[in-house]
Full PDB file with SEQRES, HELIX, SHEET, SSBOND, CRYST1, ORIGX, SCALE, CONECT and MASTER records, all heavy atoms in Angstrom:
SEQRES   1 A   42  PHE LYS ASN GLU ASN PRO LEU VAL LEU GLU LEU GLY CYS          
SEQRES   2 A   42  GLY LYS GLY GLU TYR THR VAL GLY LEU ALA GLN ARG TYR          
SEQRES   3 A   42  PRO ASN LYS ASN PHE ILE GLY ILE ASP ILE LYS GLY ALA          
SEQRES   4 A   42  ARG PHE TRP                                                  
HELIX    1 AA1 GLU A   17  ARG A   25  1                                   9    
HELIX    2 AA2 GLY A   38  PHE A   41  1                                   4    
SHEET    1 AA1 2 LEU A   7  LEU A  11  0                                        
SHEET    2 AA1 2 ASN A  30  ILE A  34  1                                        
CRYST1    1.000    1.000    1.000  90.00  90.00  90.00 P 1           1          
ORIGX1      1.000000  0.000000  0.000000        0.00000                         
ORIGX2      0.000000  1.000000  0.000000        0.00000                         
ORIGX3      0.000000  0.000000  1.000000        0.00000                         
SCALE1      1.000000  0.000000  0.000000        0.00000                         
SCALE2      0.000000  1.000000  0.000000        0.00000                         
SCALE3      0.000000  0.000000  1.000000        0.00000                         
ATOM      1  N   PHE A   1      68.971  29.609  66.846  1.00  0.00           N  
ATOM      2  CA  PHE A   1      70.087  28.836  66.310  1.00  0.00           C  
ATOM      3  C   PHE A   1      70.489  29.238  64.891  1.00  0.00           C  
ATOM      4  O   PHE A   1      71.573  28.871  64.428  1.00  0.00           O  
ATOM      5  CB  PHE A   1      69.750  27.341  66.360  1.00  0.00           C  
ATOM      6  CG  PHE A   1      69.553  26.832  67.759  1.00  0.00           C  
ATOM      7  CD1 PHE A   1      68.297  26.513  68.235  1.00  0.00           C  
ATOM      8  CD2 PHE A   1      70.636  26.686  68.609  1.00  0.00           C  
ATOM      9  CE1 PHE A   1      68.105  26.044  69.530  1.00  0.00           C  
ATOM     10  CE2 PHE A   1      70.467  26.219  69.909  1.00  0.00           C  
ATOM     11  CZ  PHE A   1      69.196  25.903  70.369  1.00  0.00           C  
ATOM     12  N   LYS A   2      69.601  29.942  64.205  1.00  0.00           N  
ATOM     13  CA  LYS A   2      69.886  30.439  62.843  1.00  0.00           C  
ATOM     14  C   LYS A   2      70.227  29.307  61.875  1.00  0.00           C  
ATOM     15  O   LYS A   2      71.109  29.436  61.023  1.00  0.00           O  
ATOM     16  CB  LYS A   2      71.046  31.457  62.872  1.00  0.00           C  
ATOM     17  CG  LYS A   2      70.893  32.579  63.884  1.00  0.00           C  
ATOM     18  CD  LYS A   2      69.770  33.526  63.529  1.00  0.00           C  
ATOM     19  CE  LYS A   2      69.833  34.827  64.331  1.00  0.00           C  
ATOM     20  NZ  LYS A   2      69.719  34.665  65.771  1.00  0.00           N  
ATOM     21  N   ASN A   3      69.517  28.188  61.999  1.00  0.00           N  
ATOM     22  CA  ASN A   3      69.708  27.074  61.072  1.00  0.00           C  
ATOM     23  C   ASN A   3      68.446  26.221  61.072  1.00  0.00           C  
ATOM     24  O   ASN A   3      67.498  26.503  61.799  1.00  0.00           O  
ATOM     25  CB  ASN A   3      70.948  26.244  61.449  1.00  0.00           C  
ATOM     26  CG  ASN A   3      70.846  25.612  62.832  1.00  0.00           C  
ATOM     27  OD1 ASN A   3      69.855  24.962  63.166  1.00  0.00           O  
ATOM     28  ND2 ASN A   3      71.876  25.795  63.656  1.00  0.00           N  
ATOM     29  N   GLU A   4      68.447  25.183  60.253  1.00  0.00           N  
ATOM     30  CA  GLU A   4      67.289  24.290  60.166  1.00  0.00           C  
ATOM     31  C   GLU A   4      67.608  22.901  60.702  1.00  0.00           C  
ATOM     32  O   GLU A   4      66.961  21.914  60.344  1.00  0.00           O  
ATOM     33  CB  GLU A   4      66.817  24.197  58.701  1.00  0.00           C  
ATOM     34  CG  GLU A   4      66.179  25.471  58.184  1.00  0.00           C  
ATOM     35  CD  GLU A   4      64.953  25.879  58.997  1.00  0.00           C  
ATOM     36  OE1 GLU A   4      64.137  24.985  59.311  1.00  0.00           O  
ATOM     37  OE2 GLU A   4      64.824  27.064  59.327  1.00  0.00           O  
ATOM     38  N   ASN A   5      68.599  22.803  61.574  1.00  0.00           N  
ATOM     39  CA  ASN A   5      69.017  21.520  62.124  1.00  0.00           C  
ATOM     40  C   ASN A   5      67.972  20.958  63.089  1.00  0.00           C  
ATOM     41  O   ASN A   5      67.156  21.701  63.630  1.00  0.00           O  
ATOM     42  CB  ASN A   5      70.357  21.664  62.843  1.00  0.00           C  
ATOM     43  CG  ASN A   5      71.489  21.984  61.886  1.00  0.00           C  
ATOM     44  OD1 ASN A   5      71.395  21.711  60.693  1.00  0.00           O  
ATOM     45  ND2 ASN A   5      72.567  22.565  62.401  1.00  0.00           N  
ATOM     46  N   PRO A   6      67.994  19.653  63.332  1.00  0.00           N  
ATOM     47  CA  PRO A   6      67.048  19.031  64.279  1.00  0.00           C  
ATOM     48  C   PRO A   6      67.123  19.673  65.664  1.00  0.00           C  
ATOM     49  O   PRO A   6      68.192  20.098  66.106  1.00  0.00           O  
ATOM     50  CB  PRO A   6      67.507  17.569  64.320  1.00  0.00           C  
ATOM     51  CG  PRO A   6      68.186  17.351  63.002  1.00  0.00           C  
ATOM     52  CD  PRO A   6      68.863  18.651  62.682  1.00  0.00           C  
ATOM     53  N   LEU A   7      65.969  19.733  66.322  1.00  0.00           N  
ATOM     54  CA  LEU A   7      65.868  20.340  67.650  1.00  0.00           C  
ATOM     55  C   LEU A   7      65.674  19.251  68.698  1.00  0.00           C  
ATOM     56  O   LEU A   7      64.750  18.442  68.606  1.00  0.00           O  
ATOM     57  CB  LEU A   7      64.690  21.315  67.683  1.00  0.00           C  
ATOM     58  CG  LEU A   7      64.536  22.193  68.912  1.00  0.00           C  
ATOM     59  CD1 LEU A   7      65.725  23.141  69.056  1.00  0.00           C  
ATOM     60  CD2 LEU A   7      63.236  22.995  68.835  1.00  0.00           C  
ATOM     61  N   VAL A   8      66.545  19.237  69.702  1.00  0.00           N  
ATOM     62  CA  VAL A   8      66.541  18.194  70.732  1.00  0.00           C  
ATOM     63  C   VAL A   8      66.434  18.845  72.112  1.00  0.00           C  
ATOM     64  O   VAL A   8      67.154  19.804  72.405  1.00  0.00           O  
ATOM     65  CB  VAL A   8      67.831  17.345  70.662  1.00  0.00           C  
ATOM     66  CG1 VAL A   8      67.769  16.202  71.670  1.00  0.00           C  
ATOM     67  CG2 VAL A   8      68.051  16.808  69.253  1.00  0.00           C  
ATOM     68  N   LEU A   9      65.554  18.327  72.963  1.00  0.00           N  
ATOM     69  CA  LEU A   9      65.358  18.864  74.310  1.00  0.00           C  
ATOM     70  C   LEU A   9      65.910  17.910  75.353  1.00  0.00           C  
ATOM     71  O   LEU A   9      65.866  16.692  75.178  1.00  0.00           O  
ATOM     72  CB  LEU A   9      63.865  19.075  74.602  1.00  0.00           C  
ATOM     73  CG  LEU A   9      63.019  19.799  73.557  1.00  0.00           C  
ATOM     74  CD1 LEU A   9      61.583  19.933  74.072  1.00  0.00           C  
ATOM     75  CD2 LEU A   9      63.607  21.156  73.205  1.00  0.00           C  
ATOM     76  N   GLU A  10      66.416  18.490  76.455  1.00  0.00           N  
ATOM     77  CA  GLU A  10      66.686  17.698  77.657  1.00  0.00           C  
ATOM     78  C   GLU A  10      65.812  18.255  78.774  1.00  0.00           C  
ATOM     79  O   GLU A  10      65.942  19.428  79.155  1.00  0.00           O  
ATOM     80  CB  GLU A  10      68.152  17.756  78.083  1.00  0.00           C  
ATOM     81  CG  GLU A  10      68.404  16.842  79.283  1.00  0.00           C  
ATOM     82  CD  GLU A  10      69.713  17.089  80.015  1.00  0.00           C  
ATOM     83  OE1 GLU A  10      70.458  18.015  79.649  1.00  0.00           O  
ATOM     84  OE2 GLU A  10      69.971  16.342  80.990  1.00  0.00           O  
ATOM     85  N   LEU A  11      64.925  17.427  79.295  1.00  0.00           N  
ATOM     86  CA  LEU A  11      63.991  17.864  80.331  1.00  0.00           C  
ATOM     87  C   LEU A  11      64.575  17.597  81.711  1.00  0.00           C  
ATOM     88  O   LEU A  11      65.082  16.516  81.971  1.00  0.00           O  
ATOM     89  CB  LEU A  11      62.663  17.125  80.179  1.00  0.00           C  
ATOM     90  CG  LEU A  11      62.014  17.180  78.794  1.00  0.00           C  
ATOM     91  CD1 LEU A  11      60.664  16.483  78.816  1.00  0.00           C  
ATOM     92  CD2 LEU A  11      61.864  18.616  78.312  1.00  0.00           C  
ATOM     93  N   GLY A  12      64.486  18.596  82.591  1.00  0.00           N  
ATOM     94  CA  GLY A  12      65.085  18.467  83.908  1.00  0.00           C  
ATOM     95  C   GLY A  12      66.594  18.379  83.776  1.00  0.00           C  
ATOM     96  O   GLY A  12      67.215  17.437  84.285  1.00  0.00           O  
ATOM     97  N   CYS A  13      67.187  19.347  83.107  1.00  0.00           N  
ATOM     98  CA  CYS A  13      68.596  19.244  82.688  1.00  0.00           C  
ATOM     99  C   CYS A  13      69.598  19.450  83.808  1.00  0.00           C  
ATOM    100  O   CYS A  13      70.804  19.234  83.607  1.00  0.00           O  
ATOM    101  CB  CYS A  13      68.876  20.233  81.557  1.00  0.00           C  
ATOM    102  SG  CYS A  13      68.784  21.979  82.057  1.00  0.00           S  
ATOM    103  N   GLY A  14      69.147  19.857  85.000  1.00  0.00           N  
ATOM    104  CA  GLY A  14      70.082  20.007  86.124  1.00  0.00           C  
ATOM    105  C   GLY A  14      71.204  20.973  85.808  1.00  0.00           C  
ATOM    106  O   GLY A  14      70.971  22.107  85.413  1.00  0.00           O  
ATOM    107  N   LYS A  15      72.436  20.517  85.957  1.00  0.00           N  
ATOM    108  CA  LYS A  15      73.597  21.371  85.713  1.00  0.00           C  
ATOM    109  C   LYS A  15      73.914  21.559  84.229  1.00  0.00           C  
ATOM    110  O   LYS A  15      74.836  22.289  83.875  1.00  0.00           O  
ATOM    111  CB  LYS A  15      74.827  20.793  86.431  1.00  0.00           C  
ATOM    112  CG  LYS A  15      74.722  20.789  87.948  1.00  0.00           C  
ATOM    113  CD  LYS A  15      75.931  20.088  88.570  1.00  0.00           C  
ATOM    114  CE  LYS A  15      75.836  20.043  90.089  1.00  0.00           C  
ATOM    115  NZ  LYS A  15      76.021  21.360  90.702  1.00  0.00           N  
ATOM    116  N   GLY A  16      73.175  20.863  83.382  1.00  0.00           N  
ATOM    117  CA  GLY A  16      73.332  21.058  81.946  1.00  0.00           C  
ATOM    118  C   GLY A  16      74.423  20.242  81.291  1.00  0.00           C  
ATOM    119  O   GLY A  16      74.725  20.434  80.107  1.00  0.00           O  
ATOM    120  N   GLU A  17      75.003  19.285  82.027  1.00  0.00           N  
ATOM    121  CA  GLU A  17      76.112  18.519  81.455  1.00  0.00           C  
ATOM    122  C   GLU A  17      75.679  17.708  80.233  1.00  0.00           C  
ATOM    123  O   GLU A  17      76.440  17.596  79.266  1.00  0.00           O  
ATOM    124  CB  GLU A  17      76.711  17.543  82.479  1.00  0.00           C  
ATOM    125  CG  GLU A  17      77.145  18.161  83.787  1.00  0.00           C  
ATOM    126  CD  GLU A  17      76.171  17.827  84.895  1.00  0.00           C  
ATOM    127  OE1 GLU A  17      74.953  17.912  84.647  1.00  0.00           O  
ATOM    128  OE2 GLU A  17      76.630  17.460  85.985  1.00  0.00           O  
ATOM    129  N   TYR A  18      74.475  17.146  80.277  1.00  0.00           N  
ATOM    130  CA  TYR A  18      74.050  16.315  79.154  1.00  0.00           C  
ATOM    131  C   TYR A  18      73.717  17.169  77.940  1.00  0.00           C  
ATOM    132  O   TYR A  18      74.058  16.811  76.806  1.00  0.00           O  
ATOM    133  CB  TYR A  18      72.854  15.440  79.544  1.00  0.00           C  
ATOM    134  CG  TYR A  18      73.042  14.005  79.141  1.00  0.00           C  
ATOM    135  CD1 TYR A  18      73.687  13.111  79.987  1.00  0.00           C  
ATOM    136  CD2 TYR A  18      72.621  13.538  77.897  1.00  0.00           C  
ATOM    137  CE1 TYR A  18      73.904  11.794  79.608  1.00  0.00           C  
ATOM    138  CE2 TYR A  18      72.834  12.227  77.519  1.00  0.00           C  
ATOM    139  CZ  TYR A  18      73.477  11.359  78.377  1.00  0.00           C  
ATOM    140  OH  TYR A  18      73.702  10.061  78.000  1.00  0.00           O  
ATOM    141  N   THR A  19      73.072  18.289  78.171  1.00  0.00           N  
ATOM    142  CA  THR A  19      72.769  19.189  77.059  1.00  0.00           C  
ATOM    143  C   THR A  19      74.048  19.625  76.358  1.00  0.00           C  
ATOM    144  O   THR A  19      74.156  19.571  75.129  1.00  0.00           O  
ATOM    145  CB  THR A  19      72.010  20.429  77.578  1.00  0.00           C  
ATOM    146  OG1 THR A  19      70.757  20.019  78.139  1.00  0.00           O  
ATOM    147  CG2 THR A  19      71.743  21.419  76.455  1.00  0.00           C  
ATOM    148  N   VAL A  20      75.033  20.046  77.132  1.00  0.00           N  
ATOM    149  CA  VAL A  20      76.312  20.487  76.570  1.00  0.00           C  
ATOM    150  C   VAL A  20      77.058  19.317  75.935  1.00  0.00           C  
ATOM    151  O   VAL A  20      77.618  19.443  74.836  1.00  0.00           O  
ATOM    152  CB  VAL A  20      77.171  21.159  77.661  1.00  0.00           C  
ATOM    153  CG1 VAL A  20      78.582  21.434  77.146  1.00  0.00           C  
ATOM    154  CG2 VAL A  20      76.519  22.467  78.115  1.00  0.00           C  
ATOM    155  N   GLY A  21      77.056  18.161  76.596  1.00  0.00           N  
ATOM    156  CA  GLY A  21      77.743  16.992  76.063  1.00  0.00           C  
ATOM    157  C   GLY A  21      77.171  16.544  74.726  1.00  0.00           C  
ATOM    158  O   GLY A  21      77.920  16.217  73.788  1.00  0.00           O  
ATOM    159  N   LEU A  22      75.848  16.530  74.614  1.00  0.00           N  
ATOM    160  CA  LEU A  22      75.212  16.166  73.358  1.00  0.00           C  
ATOM    161  C   LEU A  22      75.505  17.198  72.275  1.00  0.00           C  
ATOM    162  O   LEU A  22      75.741  16.844  71.108  1.00  0.00           O  
ATOM    163  CB  LEU A  22      73.700  16.027  73.553  1.00  0.00           C  
ATOM    164  CG  LEU A  22      73.211  14.797  74.319  1.00  0.00           C  
ATOM    165  CD1 LEU A  22      71.732  14.934  74.665  1.00  0.00           C  
ATOM    166  CD2 LEU A  22      73.436  13.512  73.507  1.00  0.00           C  
ATOM    167  N   ALA A  23      75.484  18.472  72.655  1.00  0.00           N  
ATOM    168  CA  ALA A  23      75.762  19.541  71.688  1.00  0.00           C  
ATOM    169  C   ALA A  23      77.173  19.435  71.130  1.00  0.00           C  
ATOM    170  O   ALA A  23      77.412  19.654  69.932  1.00  0.00           O  
ATOM    171  CB  ALA A  23      75.550  20.904  72.344  1.00  0.00           C  
ATOM    172  N   GLN A  24      78.130  19.079  71.981  1.00  0.00           N  
ATOM    173  CA  GLN A  24      79.502  18.887  71.518  1.00  0.00           C  
ATOM    174  C   GLN A  24      79.608  17.674  70.603  1.00  0.00           C  
ATOM    175  O   GLN A  24      80.345  17.689  69.616  1.00  0.00           O  
ATOM    176  CB  GLN A  24      80.437  18.712  72.718  1.00  0.00           C  
ATOM    177  CG  GLN A  24      80.655  19.984  73.523  1.00  0.00           C  
ATOM    178  CD  GLN A  24      81.458  19.735  74.775  1.00  0.00           C  
ATOM    179  OE1 GLN A  24      81.174  18.824  75.556  1.00  0.00           O  
ATOM    180  NE2 GLN A  24      82.485  20.541  74.997  1.00  0.00           N  
ATOM    181  N   ARG A  25      78.868  16.647  70.936  1.00  0.00           N  
ATOM    182  CA  ARG A  25      78.944  15.383  70.192  1.00  0.00           C  
ATOM    183  C   ARG A  25      78.236  15.479  68.841  1.00  0.00           C  
ATOM    184  O   ARG A  25      78.656  14.859  67.858  1.00  0.00           O  
ATOM    185  CB  ARG A  25      78.334  14.259  71.030  1.00  0.00           C  
ATOM    186  CG  ARG A  25      78.531  12.880  70.438  1.00  0.00           C  
ATOM    187  CD  ARG A  25      78.011  11.815  71.383  1.00  0.00           C  
ATOM    188  NE  ARG A  25      78.295  10.492  70.860  1.00  0.00           N  
ATOM    189  CZ  ARG A  25      79.429   9.840  71.035  1.00  0.00           C  
ATOM    190  NH1 ARG A  25      80.388  10.391  71.754  1.00  0.00           N  
ATOM    191  NH2 ARG A  25      79.614   8.641  70.517  1.00  0.00           N  
ATOM    192  N   TYR A  26      77.162  16.275  68.793  1.00  0.00           N  
ATOM    193  CA  TYR A  26      76.362  16.377  67.571  1.00  0.00           C  
ATOM    194  C   TYR A  26      76.235  17.848  67.154  1.00  0.00           C  
ATOM    195  O   TYR A  26      75.209  18.496  67.397  1.00  0.00           O  
ATOM    196  CB  TYR A  26      74.973  15.774  67.797  1.00  0.00           C  
ATOM    197  CG  TYR A  26      75.006  14.317  68.180  1.00  0.00           C  
ATOM    198  CD1 TYR A  26      74.773  13.916  69.492  1.00  0.00           C  
ATOM    199  CD2 TYR A  26      75.284  13.340  67.219  1.00  0.00           C  
ATOM    200  CE1 TYR A  26      74.802  12.572  69.837  1.00  0.00           C  
ATOM    201  CE2 TYR A  26      75.312  11.990  67.570  1.00  0.00           C  
ATOM    202  CZ  TYR A  26      75.080  11.619  68.877  1.00  0.00           C  
ATOM    203  OH  TYR A  26      75.115  10.287  69.227  1.00  0.00           O  
ATOM    204  N   PRO A  27      77.266  18.401  66.515  1.00  0.00           N  
ATOM    205  CA  PRO A  27      77.248  19.818  66.137  1.00  0.00           C  
ATOM    206  C   PRO A  27      76.188  20.173  65.094  1.00  0.00           C  
ATOM    207  O   PRO A  27      75.858  21.348  64.921  1.00  0.00           O  
ATOM    208  CB  PRO A  27      78.664  20.058  65.578  1.00  0.00           C  
ATOM    209  CG  PRO A  27      79.145  18.696  65.168  1.00  0.00           C  
ATOM    210  CD  PRO A  27      78.536  17.744  66.146  1.00  0.00           C  
ATOM    211  N   ASN A  28      75.613  19.168  64.431  1.00  0.00           N  
ATOM    212  CA  ASN A  28      74.590  19.423  63.419  1.00  0.00           C  
ATOM    213  C   ASN A  28      73.174  19.264  63.970  1.00  0.00           C  
ATOM    214  O   ASN A  28      72.216  19.098  63.210  1.00  0.00           O  
ATOM    215  CB  ASN A  28      74.793  18.497  62.211  1.00  0.00           C  
ATOM    216  CG  ASN A  28      76.086  18.813  61.470  1.00  0.00           C  
ATOM    217  OD1 ASN A  28      76.470  19.977  61.347  1.00  0.00           O  
ATOM    218  ND2 ASN A  28      76.763  17.786  60.988  1.00  0.00           N  
ATOM    219  N   LYS A  29      73.056  19.312  65.303  1.00  0.00           N  
ATOM    220  CA  LYS A  29      71.754  19.342  65.961  1.00  0.00           C  
ATOM    221  C   LYS A  29      71.738  20.504  66.950  1.00  0.00           C  
ATOM    222  O   LYS A  29      72.789  20.933  67.430  1.00  0.00           O  
ATOM    223  CB  LYS A  29      71.477  18.033  66.714  1.00  0.00           C  
ATOM    224  CG  LYS A  29      71.303  16.816  65.819  1.00  0.00           C  
ATOM    225  CD  LYS A  29      70.969  15.570  66.663  1.00  0.00           C  
ATOM    226  CE  LYS A  29      70.777  14.338  65.788  1.00  0.00           C  
ATOM    227  NZ  LYS A  29      70.399  13.140  66.603  1.00  0.00           N  
ATOM    228  N   ASN A  30      70.545  21.000  67.253  1.00  0.00           N  
ATOM    229  CA  ASN A  30      70.373  22.071  68.236  1.00  0.00           C  
ATOM    230  C   ASN A  30      69.818  21.477  69.528  1.00  0.00           C  
ATOM    231  O   ASN A  30      68.882  20.673  69.487  1.00  0.00           O  
ATOM    232  CB  ASN A  30      69.390  23.129  67.718  1.00  0.00           C  
ATOM    233  CG  ASN A  30      69.814  23.699  66.379  1.00  0.00           C  
ATOM    234  OD1 ASN A  30      70.981  24.007  66.171  1.00  0.00           O  
ATOM    235  ND2 ASN A  30      68.866  23.845  65.460  1.00  0.00           N  
ATOM    236  N   PHE A  31      70.371  21.904  70.669  1.00  0.00           N  
ATOM    237  CA  PHE A  31      69.971  21.324  71.957  1.00  0.00           C  
ATOM    238  C   PHE A  31      69.494  22.411  72.920  1.00  0.00           C  
ATOM    239  O   PHE A  31      70.112  23.472  73.029  1.00  0.00           O  
ATOM    240  CB  PHE A  31      71.147  20.559  72.575  1.00  0.00           C  
ATOM    241  CG  PHE A  31      71.543  19.353  71.773  1.00  0.00           C  
ATOM    242  CD1 PHE A  31      72.458  19.463  70.735  1.00  0.00           C  
ATOM    243  CD2 PHE A  31      70.970  18.116  72.024  1.00  0.00           C  
ATOM    244  CE1 PHE A  31      72.807  18.358  69.966  1.00  0.00           C  
ATOM    245  CE2 PHE A  31      71.310  17.005  71.258  1.00  0.00           C  
ATOM    246  CZ  PHE A  31      72.229  17.128  70.232  1.00  0.00           C  
ATOM    247  N   ILE A  32      68.411  22.100  73.625  1.00  0.00           N  
ATOM    248  CA  ILE A  32      67.864  23.021  74.624  1.00  0.00           C  
ATOM    249  C   ILE A  32      67.654  22.267  75.929  1.00  0.00           C  
ATOM    250  O   ILE A  32      66.906  21.283  75.969  1.00  0.00           O  
ATOM    251  CB  ILE A  32      66.528  23.633  74.170  1.00  0.00           C  
ATOM    252  CG1 ILE A  32      66.695  24.388  72.841  1.00  0.00           C  
ATOM    253  CG2 ILE A  32      65.989  24.579  75.244  1.00  0.00           C  
ATOM    254  CD1 ILE A  32      65.390  24.919  72.278  1.00  0.00           C  
ATOM    255  N   GLY A  33      68.311  22.719  76.999  1.00  0.00           N  
ATOM    256  CA  GLY A  33      68.100  22.159  78.323  1.00  0.00           C  
ATOM    257  C   GLY A  33      67.002  22.930  79.029  1.00  0.00           C  
ATOM    258  O   GLY A  33      66.966  24.158  78.978  1.00  0.00           O  
ATOM    259  N   ILE A  34      66.102  22.209  79.683  1.00  0.00           N  
ATOM    260  CA  ILE A  34      64.954  22.835  80.348  1.00  0.00           C  
ATOM    261  C   ILE A  34      64.946  22.460  81.818  1.00  0.00           C  
ATOM    262  O   ILE A  34      65.032  21.287  82.178  1.00  0.00           O  
ATOM    263  CB  ILE A  34      63.630  22.386  79.696  1.00  0.00           C  
ATOM    264  CG1 ILE A  34      63.641  22.731  78.198  1.00  0.00           C  
ATOM    265  CG2 ILE A  34      62.438  23.031  80.393  1.00  0.00           C  
ATOM    266  CD1 ILE A  34      62.425  22.219  77.462  1.00  0.00           C  
ATOM    267  N   ASP A  35      64.871  23.469  82.676  1.00  0.00           N  
ATOM    268  CA  ASP A  35      64.798  23.223  84.113  1.00  0.00           C  
ATOM    269  C   ASP A  35      64.231  24.475  84.772  1.00  0.00           C  
ATOM    270  O   ASP A  35      64.400  25.588  84.264  1.00  0.00           O  
ATOM    271  CB  ASP A  35      66.183  22.914  84.692  1.00  0.00           C  
ATOM    272  CG  ASP A  35      66.112  22.014  85.923  1.00  0.00           C  
ATOM    273  OD1 ASP A  35      65.544  22.473  86.937  1.00  0.00           O  
ATOM    274  OD2 ASP A  35      66.625  20.884  85.887  1.00  0.00           O  
ATOM    275  N   ILE A  36      63.570  24.305  85.898  1.00  0.00           N  
ATOM    276  CA  ILE A  36      63.043  25.451  86.632  1.00  0.00           C  
ATOM    277  C   ILE A  36      64.103  26.066  87.526  1.00  0.00           C  
ATOM    278  O   ILE A  36      63.968  27.202  87.977  1.00  0.00           O  
ATOM    279  CB  ILE A  36      61.791  25.044  87.466  1.00  0.00           C  
ATOM    280  CG1 ILE A  36      61.037  26.275  87.969  1.00  0.00           C  
ATOM    281  CG2 ILE A  36      62.180  24.108  88.590  1.00  0.00           C  
ATOM    282  CD1 ILE A  36      60.509  27.200  86.897  1.00  0.00           C  
ATOM    283  N   LYS A  37      65.197  25.344  87.759  1.00  0.00           N  
ATOM    284  CA  LYS A  37      66.239  25.817  88.666  1.00  0.00           C  
ATOM    285  C   LYS A  37      67.400  26.423  87.871  1.00  0.00           C  
ATOM    286  O   LYS A  37      68.338  25.737  87.481  1.00  0.00           O  
ATOM    287  CB  LYS A  37      66.714  24.675  89.569  1.00  0.00           C  
ATOM    288  CG  LYS A  37      65.593  24.173  90.484  1.00  0.00           C  
ATOM    289  CD  LYS A  37      66.064  23.109  91.438  1.00  0.00           C  
ATOM    290  CE  LYS A  37      64.918  22.680  92.367  1.00  0.00           C  
ATOM    291  NZ  LYS A  37      65.323  21.638  93.317  1.00  0.00           N  
ATOM    292  N   GLY A  38      67.299  27.731  87.659  1.00  0.00           N  
ATOM    293  CA  GLY A  38      68.296  28.421  86.857  1.00  0.00           C  
ATOM    294  C   GLY A  38      69.683  28.436  87.464  1.00  0.00           C  
ATOM    295  O   GLY A  38      70.681  28.477  86.737  1.00  0.00           O  
ATOM    296  N   ALA A  39      69.765  28.397  88.791  1.00  0.00           N  
ATOM    297  CA  ALA A  39      71.087  28.398  89.436  1.00  0.00           C  
ATOM    298  C   ALA A  39      71.844  27.114  89.141  1.00  0.00           C  
ATOM    299  O   ALA A  39      73.078  27.091  89.223  1.00  0.00           O  
ATOM    300  CB  ALA A  39      70.934  28.588  90.943  1.00  0.00           C  
ATOM    301  N   ARG A  40      71.119  26.063  88.782  1.00  0.00           N  
ATOM    302  CA  ARG A  40      71.778  24.809  88.418  1.00  0.00           C  
ATOM    303  C   ARG A  40      72.291  24.852  86.982  1.00  0.00           C  
ATOM    304  O   ARG A  40      73.462  24.592  86.724  1.00  0.00           O  
ATOM    305  CB  ARG A  40      70.820  23.628  88.595  1.00  0.00           C  
ATOM    306  CG  ARG A  40      70.609  23.222  90.036  1.00  0.00           C  
ATOM    307  CD  ARG A  40      69.816  21.932  90.113  1.00  0.00           C  
ATOM    308  NE  ARG A  40      69.547  21.532  91.495  1.00  0.00           N  
ATOM    309  CZ  ARG A  40      68.795  20.496  91.840  1.00  0.00           C  
ATOM    310  NH1 ARG A  40      68.242  19.747  90.894  1.00  0.00           N  
ATOM    311  NH2 ARG A  40      68.594  20.194  93.099  1.00  0.00           N  
ATOM    312  N   PHE A  41      71.404  25.179  86.027  1.00  0.00           N  
ATOM    313  CA  PHE A  41      71.861  25.116  84.634  1.00  0.00           C  
ATOM    314  C   PHE A  41      72.772  26.281  84.264  1.00  0.00           C  
ATOM    315  O   PHE A  41      73.319  26.320  83.160  1.00  0.00           O  
ATOM    316  CB  PHE A  41      70.705  24.961  83.642  1.00  0.00           C  
ATOM    317  CG  PHE A  41      69.785  26.141  83.479  1.00  0.00           C  
ATOM    318  CD1 PHE A  41      70.258  27.378  83.071  1.00  0.00           C  
ATOM    319  CD2 PHE A  41      68.421  25.999  83.674  1.00  0.00           C  
ATOM    320  CE1 PHE A  41      69.403  28.452  82.867  1.00  0.00           C  
ATOM    321  CE2 PHE A  41      67.553  27.060  83.485  1.00  0.00           C  
ATOM    322  CZ  PHE A  41      68.059  28.299  83.089  1.00  0.00           C  
ATOM    323  N   TRP A  42      72.961  27.215  85.195  1.00  0.00           N  
ATOM    324  CA  TRP A  42      73.945  28.288  84.996  1.00  0.00           C  
ATOM    325  C   TRP A  42      75.285  27.699  84.563  1.00  0.00           C  
ATOM    326  O   TRP A  42      75.953  28.250  83.686  1.00  0.00           O  
ATOM    327  CB  TRP A  42      74.102  29.064  86.305  1.00  0.00           C  
ATOM    328  CG  TRP A  42      75.343  29.901  86.396  1.00  0.00           C  
ATOM    329  CD1 TRP A  42      75.502  31.199  85.984  1.00  0.00           C  
ATOM    330  CD2 TRP A  42      76.615  29.511  86.937  1.00  0.00           C  
ATOM    331  NE1 TRP A  42      76.783  31.631  86.223  1.00  0.00           N  
ATOM    332  CE2 TRP A  42      77.484  30.618  86.808  1.00  0.00           C  
ATOM    333  CE3 TRP A  42      77.099  28.334  87.515  1.00  0.00           C  
ATOM    334  CZ2 TRP A  42      78.816  30.573  87.249  1.00  0.00           C  
ATOM    335  CZ3 TRP A  42      78.413  28.290  87.944  1.00  0.00           C  
ATOM    336  CH2 TRP A  42      79.257  29.399  87.809  1.00  0.00           C  
TER     337      TRP A  42                                                      
MASTER        0    0    0    2    2    0    0    6  336    1    0    4          
END                                                                             
């Protein structure tokens, strides 16, 4: 992320809508979605 902003995880992120939604809502935080199903979070 090349910054020192807070790091936030979403576990079992599925299609990634929440990770992306939170990232849009909070540009001063870093978000990482985690899931074993890569075809979903694609």
